[in-house]
Amino acid sequence: MTIKGKATSLDIAHLAGVSQPTVSRALRGSPMVNAETRQRIIAIARELNYKVDKNASSLRLRNAGTLALLFFEDPTTDDSLINPFFHAMLGSITRACALHGRDLLVSFQQLSTDWHTDYEDSNKADGIILLGYGDYHESLTRLQRLVEQGTHFVRWGAALPGQPGVSIGSDNYQGGFDITAHLLDQGCTRIAFLGHASSHYPEFQERYRGHVAALEARGLAADPQLQVDAITTEEYGQTACELLLTRGVPFDAICAASDLIAIGALRALREHGLRVPQDVRVTGFDDIPLAASVSPPLTTVAQDTKQAGQLLVEKLLALVAGETAEGMSIPVKLVLRESSQQR
């Protein structure tokens, strides 16, 4: 093989059919690259008489002292494009970084490009925290690519077996079970679920699984007509509730997969002349600040954002230090308010 001029790591990457960061890792003996790929890269480098720039290599290996927090853009009613639940997460992650003497670089995920895969190799950050990802199936390839490149990253999401990387999330199944059991204790027997119930949205799917299990524990079967897909926005929550109403199936409660969906449902019920909680009891999930101030105040499932932020940072720093880290679920708790119970 012939290369004009001095060979570069990009030349090796092209000939080996891998990324430039993979070449860098292979040449410095990183265990992140499998043996066969490393041997192929080394053989090409020798043939091209490639010499590693020791000074540049040393510079790249130096810790940046910074962690990156990447948001997935959510449709919101304001200009933030950040799910309100993640505002609390941002505060807890920032505090946790400060406690560990780390700076935090905050940005949006640009899902149209692969720029986030280069964060670590360009020395912008030692590791990445991912908040939100939209459709999980569409994001799976990107997560797998991060693993393949050896990027240190953790993500907030359902911590389930077989997922790429390390995931920290709430116990969504238990939350779905507990909130449904609460509605059953209030005498409800026809409980609708608003939110996606498929593997495209693992958190919502786990909440729905808990919902179904709570019904079955009381001898009740989940009615497919009482489940309506919705992503976590007020608009989708209102649309889902309106679709539920047009189906003409009786229901006495709504278990929404998020607070925003529940708030949208409250609006739809009000516009159809239905009273909450007298006619329909409504619950949410997340306990965002708005949940306590809507009318009526919303019963919900609270997620521990303080513990979540601490764990995300601690797990990521463990990975950066070359240690192993495992995903885990955080306990949740019910917050009972007027939307689900009569005074």
C-alpha atoms as a PDB file:
ATOM      1  CA  MET A   1       0.000   0.000   0.000  1.00  0.00           C
ATOM      2  CA  THR A   2       1.250   3.469  -0.867  1.00  0.00           C
ATOM      3  CA  ILE A   3       0.507   6.753   0.930  1.00  0.00           C
ATOM      4  CA  LYS A   4       1.661  10.108  -0.404  1.00  0.00           C
ATOM      5  CA  GLY A   5       3.563  12.011   2.252  1.00  0.00           C
ATOM      6  CA  LYS A   6       3.750  11.123   5.941  1.00  0.00           C
ATOM      7  CA  ALA A   7       1.161   8.543   7.030  1.00  0.00           C
ATOM      8  CA  THR A   8      -1.455   9.662   9.557  1.00  0.00           C
ATOM      9  CA  SER A   9      -3.831   7.848  11.875  1.00  0.00           C
ATOM     10  CA  LEU A  10      -6.633   8.788   9.470  1.00  0.00           C
ATOM     11  CA  ASP A  11      -4.848   6.871   6.708  1.00  0.00           C
ATOM     12  CA  ILE A  12      -4.616   3.829   8.960  1.00  0.00           C
ATOM     13  CA  ALA A  13      -8.283   4.158   9.918  1.00  0.00           C
ATOM     14  CA  HIS A  14      -9.298   4.233   6.259  1.00  0.00           C
ATOM     15  CA  LEU A  15      -7.267   1.170   5.366  1.00  0.00           C
ATOM     16  CA  ALA A  16      -8.357  -0.758   8.468  1.00  0.00           C
ATOM     17  CA  GLY A  17     -12.023   0.138   8.041  1.00  0.00           C
ATOM     18  CA  VAL A  18     -12.323   1.634  11.540  1.00  0.00           C
ATOM     19  CA  SER A  19     -12.615   5.098  13.091  1.00  0.00           C
ATOM     20  CA  GLN A  20      -9.610   7.293  13.869  1.00  0.00           C
ATOM     21  CA  PRO A  21     -10.290   7.091  17.649  1.00  0.00           C
ATOM     22  CA  THR A  22     -10.184   3.277  17.361  1.00  0.00           C
ATOM     23  CA  VAL A  23      -6.740   3.537  15.741  1.00  0.00           C
ATOM     24  CA  SER A  24      -5.541   5.774  18.580  1.00  0.00           C
ATOM     25  CA  ARG A  25      -6.796   3.336  21.184  1.00  0.00           C
ATOM     26  CA  ALA A  26      -5.269   0.329  19.430  1.00  0.00           C
ATOM     27  CA  LEU A  27      -1.841   1.946  19.146  1.00  0.00           C
ATOM     28  CA  ARG A  28      -1.788   2.842  22.828  1.00  0.00           C
ATOM     29  CA  GLY A  29      -2.853  -0.702  23.813  1.00  0.00           C
ATOM     30  CA  SER A  30      -6.352   0.112  25.012  1.00  0.00           C
ATOM     31  CA  PRO A  31      -8.377  -2.977  26.052  1.00  0.00           C
ATOM     32  CA  MET A  32     -11.390  -1.296  24.457  1.00  0.00           C
ATOM     33  CA  VAL A  33     -10.191  -2.610  21.054  1.00  0.00           C
ATOM     34  CA  ASN A  34     -10.471  -6.347  20.442  1.00  0.00           C
ATOM     35  CA  ALA A  35      -7.286  -8.280  19.719  1.00  0.00           C
ATOM     36  CA  GLU A  36      -8.012  -9.003  16.032  1.00  0.00           C
ATOM     37  CA  THR A  37      -8.720  -5.365  15.216  1.00  0.00           C
ATOM     38  CA  ARG A  38      -5.681  -4.193  17.176  1.00  0.00           C
ATOM     39  CA  GLN A  39      -3.382  -6.599  15.316  1.00  0.00           C
ATOM     40  CA  ARG A  40      -4.752  -5.458  11.955  1.00  0.00           C
ATOM     41  CA  ILE A  41      -4.204  -1.803  12.850  1.00  0.00           C
ATOM     42  CA  ILE A  42      -0.661  -2.420  14.137  1.00  0.00           C
ATOM     43  CA  ALA A  43       0.226  -4.349  10.972  1.00  0.00           C
ATOM     44  CA  ILE A  44      -0.989  -1.488   8.756  1.00  0.00           C
ATOM     45  CA  ALA A  45       0.855   1.070  10.900  1.00  0.00           C
ATOM     46  CA  ARG A  46       4.112  -0.886  10.560  1.00  0.00           C
ATOM     47  CA  GLU A  47       3.703  -1.239   6.812  1.00  0.00           C
ATOM     48  CA  LEU A  48       3.179   2.529   6.505  1.00  0.00           C
ATOM     49  CA  ASN A  49       6.123   3.178   8.874  1.00  0.00           C
ATOM     50  CA  TYR A  50       3.747   5.191  11.038  1.00  0.00           C
ATOM     51  CA  LYS A  51       5.289   6.829  14.099  1.00  0.00           C
ATOM     52  CA  VAL A  52       3.188   7.847  17.124  1.00  0.00           C
ATOM     53  CA  ASP A  53       3.617  11.489  18.152  1.00  0.00           C
ATOM     54  CA  LYS A  54       4.443  10.999  21.831  1.00  0.00           C
ATOM     55  CA  ASN A  55       3.741  14.615  22.757  1.00  0.00           C
ATOM     56  CA  ALA A  56       0.361  14.652  21.048  1.00  0.00           C
ATOM     57  CA  SER A  57      -0.497  11.275  22.564  1.00  0.00           C
ATOM     58  CA  SER A  58       0.367  12.529  26.028  1.00  0.00           C
ATOM     59  CA  LEU A  59      -1.796  15.586  25.495  1.00  0.00           C
ATOM     60  CA  ARG A  60      -4.763  13.473  24.450  1.00  0.00           C
ATOM     61  CA  LEU A  61      -4.414  11.206  27.478  1.00  0.00           C
ATOM     62  CA  ARG A  62      -4.458  14.113  29.903  1.00  0.00           C
ATOM     63  CA  ASN A  63      -7.779  14.410  31.748  1.00  0.00           C
ATOM     64  CA  ALA A  64      -9.880  17.381  30.734  1.00  0.00           C
ATOM     65  CA  GLY A  65     -11.344  17.657  34.246  1.00  0.00           C
ATOM     66  CA  THR A  66     -14.729  18.159  32.595  1.00  0.00           C
ATOM     67  CA  LEU A  67     -17.832  16.034  32.159  1.00  0.00           C
ATOM     68  CA  ALA A  68     -20.328  16.634  29.356  1.00  0.00           C
ATOM     69  CA  LEU A  69     -24.091  16.619  29.898  1.00  0.00           C
ATOM     70  CA  LEU A  70     -25.995  16.155  26.647  1.00  0.00           C
ATOM     71  CA  PHE A  71     -29.735  16.814  26.478  1.00  0.00           C
ATOM     72  CA  PHE A  72     -32.124  15.374  23.949  1.00  0.00           C
ATOM     73  CA  GLU A  73     -34.305  18.194  22.598  1.00  0.00           C
ATOM     74  CA  ASP A  74     -37.914  17.812  23.736  1.00  0.00           C
ATOM     75  CA  PRO A  75     -40.913  19.719  22.334  1.00  0.00           C
ATOM     76  CA  THR A  76     -41.842  22.190  25.092  1.00  0.00           C
ATOM     77  CA  THR A  77     -44.201  25.117  25.524  1.00  0.00           C
ATOM     78  CA  ASP A  78     -41.228  27.444  26.154  1.00  0.00           C
ATOM     79  CA  ASP A  79     -37.944  27.990  24.333  1.00  0.00           C
ATOM     80  CA  SER A  80     -35.866  25.723  26.584  1.00  0.00           C
ATOM     81  CA  LEU A  81     -36.558  22.500  24.627  1.00  0.00           C
ATOM     82  CA  ILE A  82     -35.796  20.692  27.887  1.00  0.00           C
ATOM     83  CA  ASN A  83     -38.266  18.366  29.606  1.00  0.00           C
ATOM     84  CA  PRO A  84     -39.176  20.109  32.924  1.00  0.00           C
ATOM     85  CA  PHE A  85     -38.191  16.961  34.809  1.00  0.00           C
ATOM     86  CA  PHE A  86     -34.617  17.387  33.565  1.00  0.00           C
ATOM     87  CA  HIS A  87     -34.333  20.896  35.054  1.00  0.00           C
ATOM     88  CA  ALA A  88     -34.124  19.301  38.509  1.00  0.00           C
ATOM     89  CA  MET A  89     -31.689  16.703  37.169  1.00  0.00           C
ATOM     90  CA  LEU A  90     -29.463  19.478  35.804  1.00  0.00           C
ATOM     91  CA  GLY A  91     -29.211  21.059  39.249  1.00  0.00           C
ATOM     92  CA  SER A  92     -28.349  17.796  40.992  1.00  0.00           C
ATOM     93  CA  ILE A  93     -25.767  16.808  38.350  1.00  0.00           C
ATOM     94  CA  THR A  94     -24.128  20.243  38.566  1.00  0.00           C
ATOM     95  CA  ARG A  95     -23.868  19.986  42.357  1.00  0.00           C
ATOM     96  CA  ALA A  96     -22.456  16.465  42.164  1.00  0.00           C
ATOM     97  CA  CYS A  97     -19.809  17.600  39.669  1.00  0.00           C
ATOM     98  CA  ALA A  98     -18.836  20.467  41.956  1.00  0.00           C
ATOM     99  CA  LEU A  99     -18.449  18.079  44.905  1.00  0.00           C
ATOM    100  CA  HIS A 100     -16.042  15.993  42.820  1.00  0.00           C
ATOM    101  CA  GLY A 101     -14.110  19.026  41.558  1.00  0.00           C
ATOM    102  CA  ARG A 102     -15.313  18.637  37.969  1.00  0.00           C
ATOM    103  CA  ASP A 103     -16.596  21.217  35.529  1.00  0.00           C
ATOM    104  CA  LEU A 104     -19.778  20.467  33.588  1.00  0.00           C
ATOM    105  CA  LEU A 105     -20.202  21.185  29.882  1.00  0.00           C
ATOM    106  CA  VAL A 106     -23.904  21.315  28.941  1.00  0.00           C
ATOM    107  CA  SER A 107     -25.187  20.984  25.393  1.00  0.00           C
ATOM    108  CA  PHE A 108     -27.944  19.487  23.261  1.00  0.00           C
ATOM    109  CA  GLN A 109     -27.565  16.178  21.453  1.00  0.00           C
ATOM    110  CA  GLN A 110     -27.353  16.857  17.751  1.00  0.00           C
ATOM    111  CA  LEU A 111     -29.083  13.692  16.581  1.00  0.00           C
ATOM    112  CA  SER A 112     -28.416  14.474  12.905  1.00  0.00           C
ATOM    113  CA  THR A 113     -24.653  13.997  13.387  1.00  0.00           C
ATOM    114  CA  ASP A 114     -22.225  11.789  15.273  1.00  0.00           C
ATOM    115  CA  TRP A 115     -20.409  14.642  16.997  1.00  0.00           C
ATOM    116  CA  HIS A 116     -21.145  13.309  20.492  1.00  0.00           C
ATOM    117  CA  THR A 117     -19.010  10.212  19.757  1.00  0.00           C
ATOM    118  CA  ASP A 118     -15.936  12.446  19.511  1.00  0.00           C
ATOM    119  CA  TYR A 119     -16.381  14.331  22.798  1.00  0.00           C
ATOM    120  CA  GLU A 120     -13.870  12.248  24.703  1.00  0.00           C
ATOM    121  CA  ASP A 121     -11.322  11.842  21.923  1.00  0.00           C
ATOM    122  CA  SER A 122     -11.250  15.573  21.168  1.00  0.00           C
ATOM    123  CA  ASN A 123     -10.474  16.160  24.873  1.00  0.00           C
ATOM    124  CA  LYS A 124     -13.640  18.236  25.368  1.00  0.00           C
ATOM    125  CA  ALA A 125     -14.692  15.978  28.229  1.00  0.00           C
ATOM    126  CA  ASP A 126     -13.575  12.862  30.077  1.00  0.00           C
ATOM    127  CA  GLY A 127     -17.026  11.323  29.827  1.00  0.00           C
ATOM    128  CA  ILE A 128     -20.639  11.937  28.856  1.00  0.00           C
ATOM    129  CA  ILE A 129     -23.973  11.925  30.688  1.00  0.00           C
ATOM    130  CA  LEU A 130     -26.964  11.466  28.389  1.00  0.00           C
ATOM    131  CA  LEU A 131     -30.392  12.748  29.404  1.00  0.00           C
ATOM    132  CA  GLY A 132     -33.240  11.685  27.147  1.00  0.00           C
ATOM    133  CA  TYR A 133     -33.025   9.916  23.828  1.00  0.00           C
ATOM    134  CA  GLY A 134     -36.467   9.954  22.174  1.00  0.00           C
ATOM    135  CA  ASP A 135     -37.366   6.663  20.497  1.00  0.00           C
ATOM    136  CA  TYR A 136     -35.052   4.089  22.088  1.00  0.00           C
ATOM    137  CA  HIS A 137     -34.905   1.947  18.952  1.00  0.00           C
ATOM    138  CA  GLU A 138     -33.683   4.920  16.913  1.00  0.00           C
ATOM    139  CA  SER A 139     -31.040   5.781  19.518  1.00  0.00           C
ATOM    140  CA  LEU A 140     -29.788   2.228  20.011  1.00  0.00           C
ATOM    141  CA  THR A 141     -27.260   2.346  17.150  1.00  0.00           C
ATOM    142  CA  ARG A 142     -25.695   5.535  18.550  1.00  0.00           C
ATOM    143  CA  LEU A 143     -25.432   4.030  22.031  1.00  0.00           C
ATOM    144  CA  GLN A 144     -23.793   0.903  20.603  1.00  0.00           C
ATOM    145  CA  ARG A 145     -21.342   3.071  18.666  1.00  0.00           C
ATOM    146  CA  LEU A 146     -20.337   4.841  21.874  1.00  0.00           C
ATOM    147  CA  VAL A 147     -19.630   1.455  23.448  1.00  0.00           C
ATOM    148  CA  GLU A 148     -17.616   0.279  20.438  1.00  0.00           C
ATOM    149  CA  GLN A 149     -15.479   3.413  20.509  1.00  0.00           C
ATOM    150  CA  GLY A 150     -14.796   2.973  24.205  1.00  0.00           C
ATOM    151  CA  THR A 151     -16.380   6.289  25.137  1.00  0.00           C
ATOM    152  CA  HIS A 152     -17.061   6.686  28.838  1.00  0.00           C
ATOM    153  CA  PHE A 153     -20.769   7.422  29.183  1.00  0.00           C
ATOM    154  CA  VAL A 154     -23.780   6.863  31.407  1.00  0.00           C
ATOM    155  CA  ARG A 155     -27.404   7.564  30.603  1.00  0.00           C
ATOM    156  CA  TRP A 156     -30.578   8.317  32.503  1.00  0.00           C
ATOM    157  CA  GLY A 157     -33.169   5.754  31.497  1.00  0.00           C
ATOM    158  CA  ALA A 158     -34.719   2.412  32.307  1.00  0.00           C
ATOM    159  CA  ALA A 159     -31.976   0.136  33.678  1.00  0.00           C
ATOM    160  CA  LEU A 160     -32.817  -3.111  31.894  1.00  0.00           C
ATOM    161  CA  PRO A 161     -30.722  -6.159  30.903  1.00  0.00           C
ATOM    162  CA  GLY A 162     -28.863  -6.104  27.597  1.00  0.00           C
ATOM    163  CA  GLN A 163     -28.689  -2.330  27.136  1.00  0.00           C
ATOM    164  CA  PRO A 164     -25.514  -0.663  25.799  1.00  0.00           C
ATOM    165  CA  GLY A 165     -23.476   1.107  28.439  1.00  0.00           C
ATOM    166  CA  VAL A 166     -24.490   1.992  31.984  1.00  0.00           C
ATOM    167  CA  SER A 167     -28.050   3.146  32.700  1.00  0.00           C
ATOM    168  CA  ILE A 168     -29.360   4.740  35.888  1.00  0.00           C
ATOM    169  CA  GLY A 169     -33.122   5.056  36.224  1.00  0.00           C
ATOM    170  CA  SER A 170     -36.060   4.975  38.580  1.00  0.00           C
ATOM    171  CA  ASP A 171     -37.961   1.818  39.470  1.00  0.00           C
ATOM    172  CA  ASN A 172     -40.584   2.515  36.819  1.00  0.00           C
ATOM    173  CA  TYR A 173     -42.281  -0.856  37.238  1.00  0.00           C
ATOM    174  CA  GLN A 174     -42.822  -0.343  40.973  1.00  0.00           C
ATOM    175  CA  GLY A 175     -43.996   3.212  40.374  1.00  0.00           C
ATOM    176  CA  GLY A 176     -46.576   2.036  37.854  1.00  0.00           C
ATOM    177  CA  PHE A 177     -47.715  -0.687  40.243  1.00  0.00           C
ATOM    178  CA  ASP A 178     -47.982   1.596  43.284  1.00  0.00           C
ATOM    179  CA  ILE A 179     -49.862   4.419  41.579  1.00  0.00           C
ATOM    180  CA  THR A 180     -52.364   1.974  40.067  1.00  0.00           C
ATOM    181  CA  ALA A 181     -52.814   0.243  43.426  1.00  0.00           C
ATOM    182  CA  HIS A 182     -53.586   3.662  44.927  1.00  0.00           C
ATOM    183  CA  LEU A 183     -56.335   4.261  42.348  1.00  0.00           C
ATOM    184  CA  LEU A 184     -57.740   0.796  43.020  1.00  0.00           C
ATOM    185  CA  ASP A 185     -57.775   1.600  46.755  1.00  0.00           C
ATOM    186  CA  GLN A 186     -59.864   4.668  45.884  1.00  0.00           C
ATOM    187  CA  GLY A 187     -62.490   2.365  44.382  1.00  0.00           C
ATOM    188  CA  CYS A 188     -61.536   2.769  40.714  1.00  0.00           C
ATOM    189  CA  THR A 189     -61.910  -0.304  38.506  1.00  0.00           C
ATOM    190  CA  ARG A 190     -61.723   1.113  34.955  1.00  0.00           C
ATOM    191  CA  ILE A 191     -58.309   2.758  34.882  1.00  0.00           C
ATOM    192  CA  ALA A 192     -56.973   4.138  31.593  1.00  0.00           C
ATOM    193  CA  PHE A 193     -53.242   4.372  30.855  1.00  0.00           C
ATOM    194  CA  LEU A 194     -51.974   7.254  28.721  1.00  0.00           C
ATOM    195  CA  GLY A 195     -48.446   6.730  27.386  1.00  0.00           C
ATOM    196  CA  HIS A 196     -46.531   4.453  25.029  1.00  0.00           C
ATOM    197  CA  ALA A 197     -46.450   0.842  26.190  1.00  0.00           C
ATOM    198  CA  SER A 198     -43.773  -0.567  23.854  1.00  0.00           C
ATOM    199  CA  SER A 199     -39.999  -1.099  23.871  1.00  0.00           C
ATOM    200  CA  HIS A 200     -39.606   2.118  21.860  1.00  0.00           C
ATOM    201  CA  TYR A 201     -40.094   3.928  25.205  1.00  0.00           C
ATOM    202  CA  PRO A 202     -38.716   1.557  27.890  1.00  0.00           C
ATOM    203  CA  GLU A 203     -39.550   3.791  30.887  1.00  0.00           C
ATOM    204  CA  PHE A 204     -43.196   4.053  29.870  1.00  0.00           C
ATOM    205  CA  GLN A 205     -43.312   0.357  29.037  1.00  0.00           C
ATOM    206  CA  GLU A 206     -42.109  -0.517  32.542  1.00  0.00           C
ATOM    207  CA  ARG A 207     -44.697   1.818  34.077  1.00  0.00           C
ATOM    208  CA  TYR A 208     -47.382   0.115  32.011  1.00  0.00           C
ATOM    209  CA  ARG A 209     -46.158  -3.331  33.061  1.00  0.00           C
ATOM    210  CA  GLY A 210     -46.470  -2.279  36.699  1.00  0.00           C
ATOM    211  CA  HIS A 211     -49.934  -0.871  35.967  1.00  0.00           C
ATOM    212  CA  VAL A 212     -51.083  -4.168  34.435  1.00  0.00           C
ATOM    213  CA  ALA A 213     -49.576  -6.192  37.298  1.00  0.00           C
ATOM    214  CA  ALA A 214     -51.441  -4.103  39.891  1.00  0.00           C
ATOM    215  CA  LEU A 215     -54.726  -4.716  38.061  1.00  0.00           C
ATOM    216  CA  GLU A 216     -54.064  -8.434  37.820  1.00  0.00           C
ATOM    217  CA  ALA A 217     -53.220  -8.568  41.536  1.00  0.00           C
ATOM    218  CA  ARG A 218     -56.800  -7.423  42.186  1.00  0.00           C
ATOM    219  CA  GLY A 219     -58.307  -9.860  39.715  1.00  0.00           C
ATOM    220  CA  LEU A 220     -58.779  -7.262  36.952  1.00  0.00           C
ATOM    221  CA  ALA A 221     -57.646  -7.528  33.335  1.00  0.00           C
ATOM    222  CA  ALA A 222     -56.177  -4.571  31.457  1.00  0.00           C
ATOM    223  CA  ASP A 223     -58.505  -3.397  28.667  1.00  0.00           C
ATOM    224  CA  PRO A 224     -56.517  -2.551  25.475  1.00  0.00           C
ATOM    225  CA  GLN A 225     -59.130   0.113  24.699  1.00  0.00           C
ATOM    226  CA  LEU A 226     -58.064   1.954  27.845  1.00  0.00           C
ATOM    227  CA  GLN A 227     -54.436   2.363  26.727  1.00  0.00           C
ATOM    228  CA  VAL A 228     -53.541   5.281  24.430  1.00  0.00           C
ATOM    229  CA  ASP A 229     -50.036   6.069  23.144  1.00  0.00           C
ATOM    230  CA  ALA A 230     -48.545   9.451  24.064  1.00  0.00           C
ATOM    231  CA  ILE A 231     -45.093  10.976  24.438  1.00  0.00           C
ATOM    232  CA  THR A 232     -44.380  13.247  27.366  1.00  0.00           C
ATOM    233  CA  THR A 233     -45.918  16.599  26.411  1.00  0.00           C
ATOM    234  CA  GLU A 234     -49.111  18.369  27.480  1.00  0.00           C
ATOM    235  CA  GLU A 235     -50.298  18.478  23.874  1.00  0.00           C
ATOM    236  CA  TYR A 236     -49.941  14.721  23.412  1.00  0.00           C
ATOM    237  CA  GLY A 237     -51.579  14.124  26.775  1.00  0.00           C
ATOM    238  CA  GLN A 238     -54.601  16.200  25.781  1.00  0.00           C
ATOM    239  CA  THR A 239     -54.833  14.493  22.376  1.00  0.00           C
ATOM    240  CA  ALA A 240     -54.561  11.028  23.962  1.00  0.00           C
ATOM    241  CA  CYS A 241     -57.310  11.824  26.457  1.00  0.00           C
ATOM    242  CA  GLU A 242     -59.567  13.153  23.700  1.00  0.00           C
ATOM    243  CA  LEU A 243     -59.005   9.944  21.725  1.00  0.00           C
ATOM    244  CA  LEU A 244     -59.867   7.932  24.827  1.00  0.00           C
ATOM    245  CA  LEU A 245     -63.112   9.879  25.205  1.00  0.00           C
ATOM    246  CA  THR A 246     -64.085   9.256  21.577  1.00  0.00           C
ATOM    247  CA  ARG A 247     -63.727   5.489  22.037  1.00  0.00           C
ATOM    248  CA  GLY A 248     -66.801   5.500  24.210  1.00  0.00           C
ATOM    249  CA  VAL A 249     -65.411   2.982  26.714  1.00  0.00           C
ATOM    250  CA  PRO A 250     -66.183   3.733  30.378  1.00  0.00           C
ATOM    251  CA  PHE A 251     -63.316   4.752  32.653  1.00  0.00           C
ATOM    252  CA  ASP A 252     -63.171   6.212  36.140  1.00  0.00           C
ATOM    253  CA  ALA A 253     -59.450   7.050  36.380  1.00  0.00           C
ATOM    254  CA  ILE A 254     -56.428   7.947  34.269  1.00  0.00           C
ATOM    255  CA  CYS A 255     -52.935   6.728  35.062  1.00  0.00           C
ATOM    256  CA  ALA A 256     -50.672   8.948  32.940  1.00  0.00           C
ATOM    257  CA  ALA A 257     -47.094   7.891  32.168  1.00  0.00           C
ATOM    258  CA  SER A 258     -45.809  11.400  32.989  1.00  0.00           C
ATOM    259  CA  ASP A 259     -46.984  14.578  34.694  1.00  0.00           C
ATOM    260  CA  LEU A 260     -47.066  16.490  31.418  1.00  0.00           C
ATOM    261  CA  ILE A 261     -49.342  13.860  29.872  1.00  0.00           C
ATOM    262  CA  ALA A 262     -51.563  14.030  32.970  1.00  0.00           C
ATOM    263  CA  ILE A 263     -51.747  17.835  32.811  1.00  0.00           C
ATOM    264  CA  GLY A 264     -52.823  17.631  29.175  1.00  0.00           C
ATOM    265  CA  ALA A 265     -55.456  15.067  30.163  1.00  0.00           C
ATOM    266  CA  LEU A 266     -56.776  17.412  32.871  1.00  0.00           C
ATOM    267  CA  ARG A 267     -57.347  20.054  30.203  1.00  0.00           C
ATOM    268  CA  ALA A 268     -59.204  17.613  27.933  1.00  0.00           C
ATOM    269  CA  LEU A 269     -61.423  16.377  30.769  1.00  0.00           C
ATOM    270  CA  ARG A 270     -62.256  19.937  31.795  1.00  0.00           C
ATOM    271  CA  GLU A 271     -63.188  20.883  28.229  1.00  0.00           C
ATOM    272  CA  HIS A 272     -65.546  17.879  28.117  1.00  0.00           C
ATOM    273  CA  GLY A 273     -67.255  18.925  31.341  1.00  0.00           C
ATOM    274  CA  LEU A 274     -65.769  16.159  33.493  1.00  0.00           C
ATOM    275  CA  ARG A 275     -64.682  16.951  37.053  1.00  0.00           C
ATOM    276  CA  VAL A 276     -61.457  15.737  38.659  1.00  0.00           C
ATOM    277  CA  PRO A 277     -61.509  13.841  40.982  1.00  0.00           C
ATOM    278  CA  GLN A 278     -65.310  13.607  41.292  1.00  0.00           C
ATOM    279  CA  ASP A 279     -65.899  12.079  37.838  1.00  0.00           C
ATOM    280  CA  VAL A 280     -62.404  10.914  36.904  1.00  0.00           C
ATOM    281  CA  ARG A 281     -59.343  10.539  39.110  1.00  0.00           C
ATOM    282  CA  VAL A 282     -56.014  11.419  37.484  1.00  0.00           C
ATOM    283  CA  THR A 283     -52.407  10.603  38.353  1.00  0.00           C
ATOM    284  CA  GLY A 284     -49.051  11.403  36.774  1.00  0.00           C
ATOM    285  CA  PHE A 285     -45.397  10.370  37.092  1.00  0.00           C
ATOM    286  CA  ASP A 286     -42.264  12.507  37.782  1.00  0.00           C
ATOM    287  CA  ASP A 287     -43.450  15.102  40.343  1.00  0.00           C
ATOM    288  CA  ILE A 288     -42.291  18.118  38.336  1.00  0.00           C
ATOM    289  CA  PRO A 289     -42.867  21.483  40.110  1.00  0.00           C
ATOM    290  CA  LEU A 290     -45.952  22.201  37.973  1.00  0.00           C
ATOM    291  CA  ALA A 291     -47.676  19.076  39.346  1.00  0.00           C
ATOM    292  CA  ALA A 292     -48.317  20.773  42.694  1.00  0.00           C
ATOM    293  CA  SER A 293     -49.708  23.989  41.202  1.00  0.00           C
ATOM    294  CA  VAL A 294     -52.194  22.759  38.572  1.00  0.00           C
ATOM    295  CA  SER A 295     -55.887  22.582  39.447  1.00  0.00           C
ATOM    296  CA  PRO A 296     -56.495  20.220  41.072  1.00  0.00           C
ATOM    297  CA  PRO A 297     -52.984  19.464  42.385  1.00  0.00           C
ATOM    298  CA  LEU A 298     -51.714  16.277  40.767  1.00  0.00           C
ATOM    299  CA  THR A 299     -51.108  12.971  42.517  1.00  0.00           C
ATOM    300  CA  THR A 300     -47.914  11.550  41.069  1.00  0.00           C
ATOM    301  CA  VAL A 301     -44.844   9.342  41.493  1.00  0.00           C
ATOM    302  CA  ALA A 302     -41.752  11.216  42.659  1.00  0.00           C
ATOM    303  CA  GLN A 303     -38.335  10.327  41.269  1.00  0.00           C
ATOM    304  CA  ASP A 304     -35.297  11.101  43.430  1.00  0.00           C
ATOM    305  CA  THR A 305     -33.431  13.569  41.219  1.00  0.00           C
ATOM    306  CA  LYS A 306     -30.811  14.327  43.886  1.00  0.00           C
ATOM    307  CA  GLN A 307     -29.758  10.692  44.176  1.00  0.00           C
ATOM    308  CA  ALA A 308     -30.012  10.312  40.399  1.00  0.00           C
ATOM    309  CA  GLY A 309     -27.565  13.163  39.782  1.00  0.00           C
ATOM    310  CA  GLN A 310     -25.104  11.830  42.335  1.00  0.00           C
ATOM    311  CA  LEU A 311     -25.195   8.317  40.894  1.00  0.00           C
ATOM    312  CA  LEU A 312     -24.816   9.468  37.291  1.00  0.00           C
ATOM    313  CA  VAL A 313     -21.693  11.450  38.152  1.00  0.00           C
ATOM    314  CA  GLU A 314     -20.202   8.793  40.455  1.00  0.00           C
ATOM    315  CA  LYS A 315     -20.751   5.966  37.953  1.00  0.00           C
ATOM    316  CA  LEU A 316     -19.242   8.032  35.144  1.00  0.00           C
ATOM    317  CA  LEU A 317     -16.183   8.959  37.199  1.00  0.00           C
ATOM    318  CA  ALA A 318     -15.716   5.274  38.014  1.00  0.00           C
ATOM    319  CA  LEU A 319     -15.672   4.470  34.296  1.00  0.00           C
ATOM    320  CA  VAL A 320     -13.225   7.312  33.625  1.00  0.00           C
ATOM    321  CA  ALA A 321     -10.955   5.863  36.314  1.00  0.00           C
ATOM    322  CA  GLY A 322     -10.977   2.493  34.552  1.00  0.00           C
ATOM    323  CA  GLU A 323     -13.257   0.826  37.086  1.00  0.00           C
ATOM    324  CA  THR A 324     -16.363  -1.205  36.358  1.00  0.00           C
ATOM    325  CA  ALA A 325     -19.826   0.256  36.885  1.00  0.00           C
ATOM    326  CA  GLU A 326     -23.252  -1.298  36.698  1.00  0.00           C
ATOM    327  CA  GLY A 327     -26.665   0.187  36.036  1.00  0.00           C
ATOM    328  CA  MET A 328     -29.236   0.390  38.791  1.00  0.00           C
ATOM    329  CA  SER A 329     -32.797   1.454  39.583  1.00  0.00           C
ATOM    330  CA  ILE A 330     -33.662   4.055  42.206  1.00  0.00           C
ATOM    331  CA  PRO A 331     -36.722   3.659  44.488  1.00  0.00           C
ATOM    332  CA  VAL A 332     -39.722   5.941  43.890  1.00  0.00           C
ATOM    333  CA  LYS A 333     -42.471   7.196  46.196  1.00  0.00           C
ATOM    334  CA  LEU A 334     -46.087   8.265  45.830  1.00  0.00           C
ATOM    335  CA  VAL A 335     -47.064  11.907  46.316  1.00  0.00           C
ATOM    336  CA  LEU A 336     -50.810  12.012  47.030  1.00  0.00           C
ATOM    337  CA  ARG A 337     -52.744  15.135  46.107  1.00  0.00           C
ATOM    338  CA  GLU A 338     -56.294  16.188  45.299  1.00  0.00           C
ATOM    339  CA  SER A 339     -56.511  14.870  41.714  1.00  0.00           C
ATOM    340  CA  SER A 340     -56.910  11.279  42.883  1.00  0.00           C
ATOM    341  CA  GLN A 341     -58.757  11.497  46.169  1.00  0.00           C
ATOM    342  CA  GLN A 342     -61.833  13.221  47.546  1.00  0.00           C
ATOM    343  CA  ARG A 343     -61.418  15.477  50.532  1.00  0.00           C
END
